Amino acid sequence: MRRNVLALMLFLLLPDAVHADRITQMTQSDLCIYTAKLQVAGYYYFEQGKPREEVKVVWHGDETPNEVDFVNSTLDDAYLWLTNAKRNGAALVSAQTFGDLVYEACMNGKPL
């Protein structure tokens, strides 16, 4: 009986373990730091005039689909925010200020 209960508990925990990746295991602070770093990287490419489609991400090969989606959507978000700011005639803030804004918004659970 104990083995059956233990097996059931392991089975129920398995889906979470299978889907766990570096993104889901990060603390809120680490996730926000990573988000800010990715968006600042996007900022530099944007500032150079490189279209988002031409920004190449070098993958290590062990990323989960969630990690790939997170990186790509984070870069997309940076490009969208920067494109909208430019389209609205706003001067771009510095890369450091942009990173600080991203981090603060992330820590407060708000979009940039």
Protein backbone atom coordinates (compact mmCIF):
# COMPACT_ATOMS: atom_id res chain seq x y z
CA MET A 1 0.00 0.00 0.00
CA ARG A 2 2.79 2.43 0.89
CA ARG A 3 4.48 1.76 -2.44
CA ASN A 4 1.28 2.51 -4.31
CA VAL A 5 0.86 5.82 -2.49
CA LEU A 6 4.51 6.71 -3.10
CA ALA A 7 4.23 5.78 -6.77
CA LEU A 8 1.08 7.89 -7.10
CA MET A 9 2.77 10.87 -5.44
CA LEU A 10 5.77 10.58 -7.75
CA PHE A 11 3.47 10.31 -10.74
CA LEU A 12 1.58 13.44 -9.71
CA LEU A 13 4.84 15.36 -9.29
CA LEU A 14 6.24 14.20 -12.62
CA PRO A 15 4.47 16.70 -14.89
CA ASP A 16 5.89 19.63 -12.92
CA ALA A 17 9.38 18.16 -13.02
CA VAL A 18 9.13 17.47 -16.75
CA HIS A 19 8.06 21.05 -17.49
CA ALA A 20 10.51 22.70 -15.10
CA ASP A 21 13.15 24.84 -16.75
CA ARG A 22 15.48 27.67 -15.87
CA ILE A 23 12.79 30.33 -16.39
CA THR A 24 10.23 28.74 -14.09
CA GLN A 25 12.86 28.07 -11.42
CA MET A 26 14.13 31.67 -11.23
CA THR A 27 13.26 33.91 -8.32
CA GLN A 28 11.27 37.03 -9.18
CA SER A 29 14.39 39.18 -8.85
CA ASP A 30 16.49 36.88 -11.06
CA LEU A 31 13.72 36.71 -13.65
CA CYS A 32 13.48 40.50 -13.73
CA ILE A 33 17.25 40.88 -14.05
CA TYR A 34 17.26 38.38 -16.93
CA THR A 35 14.32 40.16 -18.56
CA ALA A 36 16.09 43.52 -18.29
CA LYS A 37 19.31 42.08 -19.75
CA LEU A 38 17.46 40.60 -22.71
CA GLN A 39 15.52 43.79 -23.37
CA VAL A 40 18.68 45.92 -23.14
CA ALA A 41 20.31 43.58 -25.66
CA GLY A 42 17.30 44.22 -27.90
CA TYR A 43 17.73 47.95 -27.26
CA TYR A 44 21.28 47.86 -28.62
CA TYR A 45 20.21 46.04 -31.78
CA PHE A 46 17.28 48.43 -32.21
CA GLU A 47 19.55 51.43 -31.73
CA GLN A 48 21.83 50.07 -34.48
CA GLY A 49 18.86 49.89 -36.83
CA LYS A 50 18.81 46.09 -36.98
CA PRO A 51 15.30 44.71 -37.60
CA ARG A 52 14.05 42.24 -35.00
CA GLU A 53 13.89 39.48 -37.61
CA GLU A 54 17.65 39.80 -38.12
CA VAL A 55 18.56 39.50 -34.44
CA LYS A 56 20.06 36.05 -34.09
CA VAL A 57 19.93 34.23 -30.80
CA VAL A 58 22.65 31.66 -30.22
CA TRP A 59 21.06 28.66 -28.55
CA HIS A 60 23.04 26.10 -26.57
CA GLY A 61 20.75 23.26 -27.57
CA ASP A 62 19.35 22.36 -24.17
CA GLU A 63 16.66 25.06 -23.98
CA THR A 64 13.07 24.07 -23.35
CA PRO A 65 10.32 25.44 -25.62
CA ASN A 66 9.31 27.71 -22.72
CA GLU A 67 12.83 29.17 -22.51
CA VAL A 68 12.96 29.77 -26.28
CA ASP A 69 9.51 31.40 -26.19
CA PHE A 70 10.50 33.56 -23.23
CA VAL A 71 13.67 34.87 -24.89
CA ASN A 72 11.93 35.54 -28.19
CA SER A 73 8.89 37.21 -26.65
CA THR A 74 11.10 39.33 -24.38
CA LEU A 75 13.09 40.58 -27.38
CA ASP A 76 9.84 41.16 -29.26
CA ASP A 77 8.52 43.20 -26.31
CA ALA A 78 11.63 45.39 -26.33
CA TYR A 79 11.33 46.06 -30.05
CA LEU A 80 7.62 46.82 -29.73
CA TRP A 81 8.14 49.29 -26.88
CA LEU A 82 11.05 51.00 -28.63
CA THR A 83 9.23 51.14 -31.98
CA ASN A 84 6.16 52.68 -30.34
CA ALA A 85 8.30 55.23 -28.48
CA LYS A 86 10.06 56.21 -31.70
CA ARG A 87 6.79 56.33 -33.64
CA ASN A 88 5.31 58.64 -30.99
CA GLY A 89 8.27 61.00 -31.34
CA ALA A 90 9.75 60.27 -27.95
CA ALA A 91 13.51 60.44 -27.60
CA LEU A 92 14.96 57.11 -26.57
CA VAL A 93 16.12 56.92 -22.98
CA SER A 94 19.63 55.58 -22.35
CA ALA A 95 20.16 51.82 -22.35
CA GLN A 96 20.77 51.92 -18.60
CA THR A 97 17.56 53.84 -17.96
CA PHE A 98 15.66 51.47 -20.25
CA GLY A 99 17.01 48.48 -18.31
CA ASP A 100 16.07 50.12 -15.02
CA LEU A 101 12.53 50.78 -16.30
CA VAL A 102 12.18 47.17 -17.45
CA TYR A 103 13.44 45.82 -14.13
CA GLU A 104 11.19 48.07 -12.06
CA ALA A 105 8.10 47.25 -14.13
CA CYS A 106 8.87 43.54 -13.89
CA MET A 107 9.38 43.66 -10.11
CA ASN A 108 6.05 45.48 -9.77
CA GLY A 109 4.33 42.94 -12.02
CA LYS A 110 3.40 45.60 -14.55
CA PRO A 111 4.07 45.86 -18.27
CA LEU A 112 6.59 48.43 -19.40
